[in-house]
Amino acid sequence: MPVYVIAPAFLAGDDAVEHLGRFSYFAVPVRFDDRDVPDTLEITVGPDGSQIPDAVASGNQEGEMATHLGPGDRLLLDHHTNTWFAWTATGAQAIASQLRRDLVGKSLTPSQLRAALAS
């Protein structure tokens, strides 16, 4: 599953919905013999297009968040607040957050999202 992060151009003032995020990594669920729950292998794409196993994260948060995506939505992460969004055709809907629980369940236009992340 592709995971996107909030794009610097968006934070700098670009209100185009298609510029909210940029690709960060592919999240691939993996299971290790000594663990009862799946973990996540993060695969990045190198400058030459090669796929590079980059990190292993405990748990399968990306997979859990993906269950909240509608058709055509993309998984978008704001690292600073650890907030997961469904990146939709009109903006973003907050799925879960560690630091901005007030956003969860809200649909935000690009300008509303930028203001929320700046506050």
Foldseek 3Di string as FASTA:
>chain_A
DWEWEQDPVLLVPDQQLVNRTDTDWDWDWDDDPVDPATKTFTWDADPVRDTHRDDIGGHDVVVVQVVPEDVPWHWYAYVVFRWIWTSDNFGTQTPDTDRPRVRHGDGDGSVRVSVSVVD
